[in-house]
Amino acid sequence: MNELFRALPKLLKELDDNEELREAVTLAAWRKIAGESLRKHAVPFRLFNKHLIVAVRDNMWKRHLDTLSGQMIFKLNSVLGQAVVTFIEFRIDEETILQKTKNEQSSTLSDEQLREIALEKVTPKLRHSADAIKDDNLRYQFLLAAGSCLARKEKMKK
């Protein structure tokens, strides 16, 4: 997985005009910088014009994360190798947090089933963009990560 994150800056530069890719990669980078405990209380769900929108459990988390947003933006952009995020908006949305927790707890699918679901969500445009990754294994890992993000995003809309 670390190989994938090391390849992200180059991939983003080559495919800068692909909004779907930029959003999927940013959501994956959030999981890397946030850590497990924060991910239970803050869930990113949209990147729009360099603004990352993150659902938080309550006003306490919103205030706390507002004070840390500068550090989070720096960490995200460091992982991504460029200024993909310039602002983080924290929205109180306990339902999104609860839904995510419920989905994680009720997930009894095997790793193979999860991989299949992720790969089904990869669009032809994203697959074409991923062709820029020469290493087959790294390309596959990238498509899994992007597909997982897209599947999660779709699941959160329901």
N, C-alpha and C. Protein backbone atom coordinates (compact mmCIF):
# COMPACT_ATOMS: atom_id res chain seq x y z
N MET A 1 0.82 -1.20 0.00
CA MET A 1 0.00 0.00 0.00
C MET A 1 0.87 1.26 0.00
N ASN A 2 2.01 1.20 0.69
CA ASN A 2 2.90 2.36 0.68
C ASN A 2 3.41 2.67 -0.71
N GLU A 3 3.62 1.62 -1.52
CA GLU A 3 4.04 1.83 -2.91
C GLU A 3 2.99 2.64 -3.66
N LEU A 4 1.74 2.34 -3.40
CA LEU A 4 0.65 3.05 -4.05
C LEU A 4 0.69 4.53 -3.68
N PHE A 5 0.86 4.83 -2.40
CA PHE A 5 0.88 6.22 -1.98
C PHE A 5 2.10 6.96 -2.52
N ARG A 6 3.21 6.27 -2.69
CA ARG A 6 4.39 6.91 -3.27
C ARG A 6 4.17 7.24 -4.75
N ALA A 7 3.31 6.50 -5.41
CA ALA A 7 3.05 6.73 -6.84
C ALA A 7 1.98 7.80 -7.08
N LEU A 8 1.24 8.17 -6.05
CA LEU A 8 0.13 9.10 -6.23
C LEU A 8 0.53 10.46 -6.80
N PRO A 9 1.59 11.10 -6.30
CA PRO A 9 1.92 12.42 -6.85
C PRO A 9 2.12 12.41 -8.37
N LYS A 10 2.86 11.43 -8.86
CA LYS A 10 3.11 11.35 -10.30
C LYS A 10 1.81 11.10 -11.06
N LEU A 11 1.00 10.20 -10.54
CA LEU A 11 -0.27 9.87 -11.19
C LEU A 11 -1.18 11.10 -11.25
N LEU A 12 -1.26 11.84 -10.15
CA LEU A 12 -2.12 13.03 -10.12
C LEU A 12 -1.63 14.09 -11.11
N LYS A 13 -0.32 14.23 -11.24
CA LYS A 13 0.21 15.21 -12.19
C LYS A 13 -0.13 14.82 -13.62
N GLU A 14 -0.01 13.54 -13.92
CA GLU A 14 -0.28 13.07 -15.28
C GLU A 14 -1.76 13.13 -15.63
N LEU A 15 -2.61 12.97 -14.63
CA LEU A 15 -4.05 12.88 -14.88
C LEU A 15 -4.79 14.00 -14.16
N ASP A 16 -4.24 15.19 -14.20
CA ASP A 16 -4.74 16.31 -13.41
C ASP A 16 -6.18 16.68 -13.72
N ASP A 17 -6.65 16.44 -14.92
CA ASP A 17 -8.00 16.85 -15.30
C ASP A 17 -9.08 15.85 -14.90
N ASN A 18 -8.73 14.75 -14.27
CA ASN A 18 -9.69 13.71 -13.92
C ASN A 18 -10.22 13.93 -12.50
N GLU A 19 -11.38 14.59 -12.38
CA GLU A 19 -11.97 14.90 -11.08
C GLU A 19 -12.28 13.65 -10.26
N GLU A 20 -12.81 12.64 -10.92
CA GLU A 20 -13.18 11.40 -10.24
C GLU A 20 -11.96 10.75 -9.59
N LEU A 21 -10.88 10.72 -10.32
CA LEU A 21 -9.63 10.16 -9.80
C LEU A 21 -9.11 10.99 -8.65
N ARG A 22 -9.11 12.31 -8.80
CA ARG A 22 -8.61 13.19 -7.75
C ARG A 22 -9.40 13.00 -6.46
N GLU A 23 -10.72 12.87 -6.58
CA GLU A 23 -11.54 12.67 -5.39
C GLU A 23 -11.25 11.32 -4.74
N ALA A 24 -11.19 10.26 -5.53
CA ALA A 24 -10.93 8.92 -4.99
C ALA A 24 -9.58 8.87 -4.29
N VAL A 25 -8.58 9.47 -4.90
CA VAL A 25 -7.23 9.46 -4.32
C VAL A 25 -7.20 10.29 -3.04
N THR A 26 -7.90 11.41 -3.02
CA THR A 26 -7.93 12.26 -1.83
C THR A 26 -8.63 11.55 -0.68
N LEU A 27 -9.72 10.85 -0.95
CA LEU A 27 -10.41 10.11 0.11
C LEU A 27 -9.53 9.00 0.66
N ALA A 28 -8.77 8.35 -0.21
CA ALA A 28 -7.84 7.31 0.25
C ALA A 28 -6.72 7.93 1.08
N ALA A 29 -6.23 9.08 0.66
CA ALA A 29 -5.17 9.76 1.41
C ALA A 29 -5.67 10.18 2.79
N TRP A 30 -6.94 10.57 2.88
CA TRP A 30 -7.51 10.93 4.18
C TRP A 30 -7.40 9.76 5.15
N ARG A 31 -7.74 8.57 4.68
CA ARG A 31 -7.68 7.39 5.55
C ARG A 31 -6.25 7.18 6.05
N LYS A 32 -5.29 7.48 5.22
CA LYS A 32 -3.89 7.30 5.62
C LYS A 32 -3.49 8.32 6.69
N ILE A 33 -3.87 9.57 6.51
CA ILE A 33 -3.42 10.59 7.47
C ILE A 33 -4.28 10.65 8.73
N ALA A 34 -5.53 10.21 8.63
CA ALA A 34 -6.46 10.35 9.76
C ALA A 34 -6.21 9.34 10.87
N GLY A 35 -5.84 8.15 10.52
CA GLY A 35 -5.69 7.13 11.55
C GLY A 35 -7.03 6.51 11.92
N GLU A 36 -6.97 5.36 12.55
CA GLU A 36 -8.18 4.59 12.84
C GLU A 36 -9.14 5.29 13.79
N SER A 37 -8.65 5.91 14.86
CA SER A 37 -9.55 6.51 15.84
C SER A 37 -10.29 7.72 15.26
N LEU A 38 -9.61 8.55 14.49
CA LEU A 38 -10.28 9.70 13.89
C LEU A 38 -11.30 9.27 12.85
N ARG A 39 -11.00 8.21 12.12
CA ARG A 39 -11.93 7.74 11.08
C ARG A 39 -13.27 7.30 11.65
N LYS A 40 -13.33 7.03 12.95
CA LYS A 40 -14.60 6.66 13.58
C LYS A 40 -15.49 7.88 13.82
N HIS A 41 -14.88 9.07 13.76
CA HIS A 41 -15.62 10.29 14.09
C HIS A 41 -15.68 11.29 12.94
N ALA A 42 -14.93 11.04 11.87
CA ALA A 42 -14.88 11.97 10.75
C ALA A 42 -14.75 11.18 9.45
N VAL A 43 -15.69 11.41 8.53
CA VAL A 43 -15.74 10.66 7.27
C VAL A 43 -15.77 11.63 6.09
N PRO A 44 -14.72 11.63 5.26
CA PRO A 44 -14.75 12.50 4.09
C PRO A 44 -15.70 11.91 3.05
N PHE A 45 -16.46 12.77 2.38
CA PHE A 45 -17.37 12.21 1.39
C PHE A 45 -17.42 12.99 0.08
N ARG A 46 -16.71 14.11 -0.03
CA ARG A 46 -16.76 14.86 -1.29
C ARG A 46 -15.56 15.78 -1.40
N LEU A 47 -15.00 15.86 -2.59
CA LEU A 47 -13.98 16.85 -2.92
C LEU A 47 -14.55 17.69 -4.04
N PHE A 48 -14.66 18.99 -3.79
CA PHE A 48 -15.25 19.89 -4.78
C PHE A 48 -14.41 21.16 -4.84
N ASN A 49 -13.82 21.43 -6.00
CA ASN A 49 -12.99 22.64 -6.18
C ASN A 49 -11.95 22.80 -5.08
N LYS A 50 -11.24 21.76 -4.79
CA LYS A 50 -10.17 21.74 -3.79
C LYS A 50 -10.68 21.89 -2.36
N HIS A 51 -11.99 21.79 -2.17
CA HIS A 51 -12.57 21.81 -0.83
C HIS A 51 -13.00 20.39 -0.48
N LEU A 52 -12.44 19.86 0.59
CA LEU A 52 -12.80 18.52 1.06
C LEU A 52 -13.91 18.66 2.08
N ILE A 53 -14.99 17.93 1.88
CA ILE A 53 -16.13 17.98 2.80
C ILE A 53 -16.10 16.71 3.63
N VAL A 54 -16.11 16.90 4.96
CA VAL A 54 -15.95 15.80 5.90
C VAL A 54 -17.12 15.82 6.88
N ALA A 55 -17.80 14.69 7.01
CA ALA A 55 -18.87 14.55 8.00
C ALA A 55 -18.23 14.28 9.36
N VAL A 56 -18.74 14.95 10.40
CA VAL A 56 -18.25 14.72 11.76
C VAL A 56 -19.43 14.39 12.66
N ARG A 57 -19.11 13.73 13.76
CA ARG A 57 -20.15 13.22 14.67
C ARG A 57 -20.95 14.33 15.34
N ASP A 58 -20.30 15.36 15.85
CA ASP A 58 -21.00 16.39 16.61
C ASP A 58 -20.21 17.69 16.60
N ASN A 59 -20.76 18.71 17.27
CA ASN A 59 -20.14 20.03 17.28
C ASN A 59 -18.76 20.01 17.96
N MET A 60 -18.59 19.17 18.96
CA MET A 60 -17.29 19.08 19.63
C MET A 60 -16.21 18.65 18.63
N TRP A 61 -16.51 17.62 17.84
CA TRP A 61 -15.55 17.15 16.84
C TRP A 61 -15.34 18.22 15.77
N LYS A 62 -16.39 18.91 15.39
CA LYS A 62 -16.26 19.97 14.38
C LYS A 62 -15.31 21.05 14.86
N ARG A 63 -15.51 21.54 16.08
CA ARG A 63 -14.64 22.60 16.62
C ARG A 63 -13.20 22.11 16.73
N HIS A 64 -13.03 20.90 17.23
CA HIS A 64 -11.68 20.35 17.40
C HIS A 64 -10.98 20.21 16.05
N LEU A 65 -11.67 19.66 15.08
CA LEU A 65 -11.04 19.44 13.77
C LEU A 65 -10.85 20.75 13.00
N ASP A 66 -11.73 21.73 13.23
CA ASP A 66 -11.51 23.05 12.61
C ASP A 66 -10.15 23.61 13.01
N THR A 67 -9.78 23.40 14.28
CA THR A 67 -8.48 23.93 14.74
C THR A 67 -7.31 23.16 14.15
N LEU A 68 -7.55 21.92 13.74
CA LEU A 68 -6.48 21.09 13.17
C LEU A 68 -6.47 21.07 11.65
N SER A 69 -7.40 21.78 11.03
CA SER A 69 -7.56 21.65 9.57
C SER A 69 -6.30 22.05 8.80
N GLY A 70 -5.59 23.06 9.27
CA GLY A 70 -4.36 23.46 8.58
C GLY A 70 -3.34 22.33 8.54
N GLN A 71 -3.18 21.64 9.67
CA GLN A 71 -2.26 20.50 9.72
C GLN A 71 -2.72 19.37 8.81
N MET A 72 -4.03 19.14 8.80
CA MET A 72 -4.57 18.06 7.98
C MET A 72 -4.40 18.37 6.49
N ILE A 73 -4.63 19.61 6.12
CA ILE A 73 -4.43 20.01 4.72
C ILE A 73 -2.98 19.80 4.32
N PHE A 74 -2.06 20.21 5.20
CA PHE A 74 -0.64 20.03 4.92
C PHE A 74 -0.30 18.55 4.75
N LYS A 75 -0.78 17.71 5.66
CA LYS A 75 -0.50 16.27 5.57
C LYS A 75 -1.09 15.66 4.31
N LEU A 76 -2.34 16.00 4.00
CA LEU A 76 -2.98 15.47 2.79
C LEU A 76 -2.19 15.85 1.54
N ASN A 77 -1.88 17.12 1.43
CA ASN A 77 -1.17 17.59 0.24
C ASN A 77 0.25 17.02 0.18
N SER A 78 0.85 16.76 1.32
CA SER A 78 2.17 16.13 1.33
C SER A 78 2.10 14.72 0.78
N VAL A 79 1.09 13.97 1.20
CA VAL A 79 0.90 12.61 0.70
C VAL A 79 0.60 12.63 -0.80
N LEU A 80 -0.19 13.62 -1.22
CA LEU A 80 -0.61 13.70 -2.61
C LEU A 80 0.42 14.38 -3.52
N GLY A 81 1.39 15.06 -2.93
CA GLY A 81 2.46 15.67 -3.71
C GLY A 81 2.09 16.97 -4.41
N GLN A 82 0.92 17.50 -4.11
CA GLN A 82 0.50 18.78 -4.69
C GLN A 82 -0.69 19.31 -3.90
N ALA A 83 -1.06 20.56 -4.14
CA ALA A 83 -2.14 21.20 -3.39
C ALA A 83 -3.50 20.78 -3.95
N VAL A 84 -3.90 19.57 -3.65
CA VAL A 84 -5.20 19.06 -4.09
C VAL A 84 -6.31 19.63 -3.20
N VAL A 85 -6.02 19.84 -1.91
CA VAL A 85 -6.99 20.34 -0.94
C VAL A 85 -6.51 21.69 -0.40
N THR A 86 -7.36 22.72 -0.50
CA THR A 86 -7.01 24.02 0.06
C THR A 86 -7.89 24.39 1.25
N PHE A 87 -8.98 23.64 1.44
CA PHE A 87 -9.90 23.94 2.54
C PHE A 87 -10.63 22.66 2.92
N ILE A 88 -10.84 22.47 4.22
CA ILE A 88 -11.65 21.34 4.70
C ILE A 88 -12.86 21.90 5.42
N GLU A 89 -14.03 21.50 4.95
CA GLU A 89 -15.28 21.89 5.60
C GLU A 89 -15.79 20.70 6.41
N PHE A 90 -15.93 20.91 7.70
CA PHE A 90 -16.45 19.87 8.57
C PHE A 90 -17.94 20.12 8.79
N ARG A 91 -18.76 19.14 8.43
CA ARG A 91 -20.21 19.24 8.58
C ARG A 91 -20.68 18.23 9.61
N ILE A 92 -21.53 18.70 10.51
CA ILE A 92 -22.10 17.78 11.49
C ILE A 92 -23.12 16.91 10.77
N ASP A 93 -22.85 15.62 10.77
CA ASP A 93 -23.70 14.65 10.06
C ASP A 93 -23.53 13.30 10.73
N GLU A 94 -24.15 13.18 11.89
CA GLU A 94 -23.99 11.96 12.68
C GLU A 94 -24.51 10.74 11.93
N GLU A 95 -25.53 10.93 11.11
CA GLU A 95 -26.08 9.80 10.36
C GLU A 95 -25.05 9.17 9.42
N THR A 96 -24.27 10.00 8.74
CA THR A 96 -23.22 9.49 7.86
C THR A 96 -22.20 8.69 8.66
N ILE A 97 -21.83 9.20 9.82
CA ILE A 97 -20.87 8.50 10.68
C ILE A 97 -21.45 7.17 11.14
N LEU A 98 -22.69 7.18 11.59
CA LEU A 98 -23.33 5.95 12.06
C LEU A 98 -23.47 4.94 10.93
N GLN A 99 -23.82 5.42 9.74
CA GLN A 99 -23.96 4.53 8.58
C GLN A 99 -22.63 3.87 8.25
N LYS A 100 -21.56 4.64 8.30
CA LYS A 100 -20.23 4.10 8.02
C LYS A 100 -19.86 3.04 9.05
N THR A 101 -20.11 3.33 10.32
CA THR A 101 -19.82 2.38 11.38
C THR A 101 -20.64 1.11 11.20
N LYS A 102 -21.92 1.29 10.89
CA LYS A 102 -22.81 0.14 10.67
C LYS A 102 -22.32 -0.70 9.49
N ASN A 103 -21.94 -0.03 8.40
CA ASN A 103 -21.45 -0.74 7.22
C ASN A 103 -20.19 -1.53 7.53
N GLU A 104 -19.30 -0.95 8.31
CA GLU A 104 -18.06 -1.65 8.65
C GLU A 104 -18.34 -2.86 9.54
N GLN A 105 -19.27 -2.71 10.49
CA GLN A 105 -19.58 -3.80 11.40
C GLN A 105 -20.34 -4.92 10.71
N SER A 106 -21.21 -4.57 9.76
CA SER A 106 -22.03 -5.59 9.11
C SER A 106 -21.34 -6.22 7.91
N SER A 107 -20.18 -5.73 7.58
CA SER A 107 -19.47 -6.27 6.42
C SER A 107 -18.93 -7.65 6.72
N THR A 108 -19.60 -8.64 6.16
CA THR A 108 -19.15 -10.02 6.36
C THR A 108 -18.67 -10.62 5.04
N LEU A 109 -18.38 -9.75 4.10
CA LEU A 109 -17.92 -10.23 2.81
C LEU A 109 -16.46 -10.65 2.89
N SER A 110 -16.11 -11.62 2.10
CA SER A 110 -14.72 -12.07 2.06
C SER A 110 -13.87 -11.03 1.33
N ASP A 111 -12.57 -11.14 1.48
CA ASP A 111 -11.67 -10.22 0.78
C ASP A 111 -11.86 -10.31 -0.73
N GLU A 112 -12.07 -11.51 -1.22
CA GLU A 112 -12.27 -11.70 -2.66
C GLU A 112 -13.55 -11.00 -3.13
N GLN A 113 -14.63 -11.11 -2.34
CA GLN A 113 -15.88 -10.44 -2.70
C GLN A 113 -15.71 -8.92 -2.69
N LEU A 114 -14.98 -8.42 -1.69
CA LEU A 114 -14.74 -6.98 -1.62
C LEU A 114 -13.92 -6.50 -2.81
N ARG A 115 -12.94 -7.30 -3.23
CA ARG A 115 -12.14 -6.94 -4.41
C ARG A 115 -13.02 -6.89 -5.66
N GLU A 116 -13.91 -7.88 -5.80
CA GLU A 116 -14.80 -7.91 -6.97
C GLU A 116 -15.70 -6.68 -7.01
N ILE A 117 -16.26 -6.32 -5.86
CA ILE A 117 -17.13 -5.14 -5.78
C ILE A 117 -16.35 -3.89 -6.15
N ALA A 118 -15.15 -3.77 -5.61
CA ALA A 118 -14.32 -2.59 -5.89
C ALA A 118 -14.01 -2.49 -7.38
N LEU A 119 -13.63 -3.59 -7.99
CA LEU A 119 -13.26 -3.55 -9.41
C LEU A 119 -14.46 -3.29 -10.31
N GLU A 120 -15.67 -3.69 -9.86
CA GLU A 120 -16.89 -3.41 -10.63
C GLU A 120 -17.18 -1.91 -10.68
N LYS A 121 -16.73 -1.17 -9.68
CA LYS A 121 -17.01 0.27 -9.60
C LYS A 121 -16.05 1.12 -10.42
N VAL A 122 -14.97 0.51 -10.88
CA VAL A 122 -13.99 1.25 -11.67
C VAL A 122 -14.57 1.56 -13.05
N THR A 123 -14.60 2.84 -13.37
CA THR A 123 -15.16 3.27 -14.66
C THR A 123 -14.13 3.06 -15.77
N PRO A 124 -14.60 2.96 -17.00
CA PRO A 124 -13.65 2.82 -18.12
C PRO A 124 -12.66 4.00 -18.19
N LYS A 125 -13.14 5.19 -17.88
CA LYS A 125 -12.26 6.37 -17.91
C LYS A 125 -11.16 6.24 -16.86
N LEU A 126 -11.54 5.79 -15.67
CA LEU A 126 -10.55 5.60 -14.60
C LEU A 126 -9.57 4.49 -14.97
N ARG A 127 -10.08 3.41 -15.53
CA ARG A 127 -9.22 2.30 -15.96
C ARG A 127 -8.23 2.78 -17.03
N HIS A 128 -8.72 3.59 -17.95
CA HIS A 128 -7.84 4.13 -18.99
C HIS A 128 -6.76 5.03 -18.37
N SER A 129 -7.17 5.85 -17.41
CA SER A 129 -6.21 6.72 -16.74
C SER A 129 -5.16 5.92 -15.98
N ALA A 130 -5.58 4.81 -15.40
CA ALA A 130 -4.65 3.97 -14.63
C ALA A 130 -3.63 3.29 -15.52
N ASP A 131 -3.90 3.23 -16.81
CA ASP A 131 -2.94 2.63 -17.74
C ASP A 131 -1.61 3.38 -17.75
N ALA A 132 -1.60 4.59 -17.20
CA ALA A 132 -0.34 5.35 -17.11
C ALA A 132 0.61 4.72 -16.10
N ILE A 133 0.09 3.87 -15.23
CA ILE A 133 0.93 3.18 -14.24
C ILE A 133 1.52 1.95 -14.91
N LYS A 134 2.82 1.94 -15.06
CA LYS A 134 3.49 0.86 -15.80
C LYS A 134 3.55 -0.44 -15.03
N ASP A 135 3.74 -0.37 -13.72
CA ASP A 135 3.85 -1.56 -12.89
C ASP A 135 2.46 -2.21 -12.74
N ASP A 136 2.32 -3.46 -13.19
CA ASP A 136 1.02 -4.15 -13.18
C ASP A 136 0.44 -4.26 -11.78
N ASN A 137 1.25 -4.65 -10.81
CA ASN A 137 0.77 -4.82 -9.44
C ASN A 137 0.33 -3.48 -8.86
N LEU A 138 1.12 -2.45 -9.08
CA LEU A 138 0.78 -1.13 -8.57
C LEU A 138 -0.50 -0.61 -9.22
N ARG A 139 -0.67 -0.85 -10.53
CA ARG A 139 -1.90 -0.44 -11.23
C ARG A 139 -3.11 -1.16 -10.62
N TYR A 140 -2.97 -2.47 -10.38
CA TYR A 140 -4.05 -3.25 -9.79
C TYR A 140 -4.41 -2.72 -8.40
N GLN A 141 -3.39 -2.43 -7.58
CA GLN A 141 -3.63 -1.91 -6.23
C GLN A 141 -4.31 -0.54 -6.29
N PHE A 142 -3.89 0.28 -7.24
CA PHE A 142 -4.52 1.58 -7.41
C PHE A 142 -5.99 1.43 -7.78
N LEU A 143 -6.28 0.55 -8.74
CA LEU A 143 -7.67 0.35 -9.16
C LEU A 143 -8.52 -0.20 -8.01
N LEU A 144 -7.95 -1.08 -7.19
CA LEU A 144 -8.67 -1.57 -6.02
C LEU A 144 -8.99 -0.43 -5.06
N ALA A 145 -8.00 0.41 -4.80
CA ALA A 145 -8.20 1.53 -3.88
C ALA A 145 -9.25 2.50 -4.42
N ALA A 146 -9.13 2.85 -5.69
CA ALA A 146 -10.09 3.77 -6.30
C ALA A 146 -11.49 3.17 -6.33
N GLY A 147 -11.59 1.89 -6.71
CA GLY A 147 -12.89 1.21 -6.74
C GLY A 147 -13.52 1.12 -5.36
N SER A 148 -12.70 0.86 -4.36
CA SER A 148 -13.20 0.80 -2.98
C SER A 148 -13.76 2.15 -2.55
N CYS A 149 -13.06 3.21 -2.90
CA CYS A 149 -13.54 4.56 -2.58
C CYS A 149 -14.87 4.84 -3.27
N LEU A 150 -14.96 4.48 -4.53
CA LEU A 150 -16.19 4.72 -5.28
C LEU A 150 -17.34 3.88 -4.73
N ALA A 151 -17.07 2.64 -4.35
CA ALA A 151 -18.11 1.78 -3.78
C ALA A 151 -18.60 2.34 -2.45
N ARG A 152 -17.65 2.82 -1.63
CA ARG A 152 -18.01 3.39 -0.34
C ARG A 152 -18.83 4.66 -0.53
N LYS A 153 -18.42 5.48 -1.48
CA LYS A 153 -19.14 6.72 -1.76
C LYS A 153 -20.57 6.42 -2.20
N GLU A 154 -20.72 5.43 -3.06
CA GLU A 154 -22.06 5.03 -3.53
C GLU A 154 -22.90 4.50 -2.38
N LYS A 155 -22.27 3.72 -1.51
CA LYS A 155 -22.98 3.14 -0.37
C LYS A 155 -23.45 4.23 0.59
N MET A 156 -22.64 5.28 0.75
CA MET A 156 -22.99 6.37 1.66
C MET A 156 -24.17 7.18 1.13
N LYS A 157 -24.36 7.22 -0.18
CA LYS A 157 -25.47 7.97 -0.77
C LYS A 157 -26.81 7.30 -0.49
N LYS A 158 -26.77 5.99 -0.25
CA LYS A 158 -28.02 5.24 -0.06
C LYS A 158 -28.61 5.48 1.30
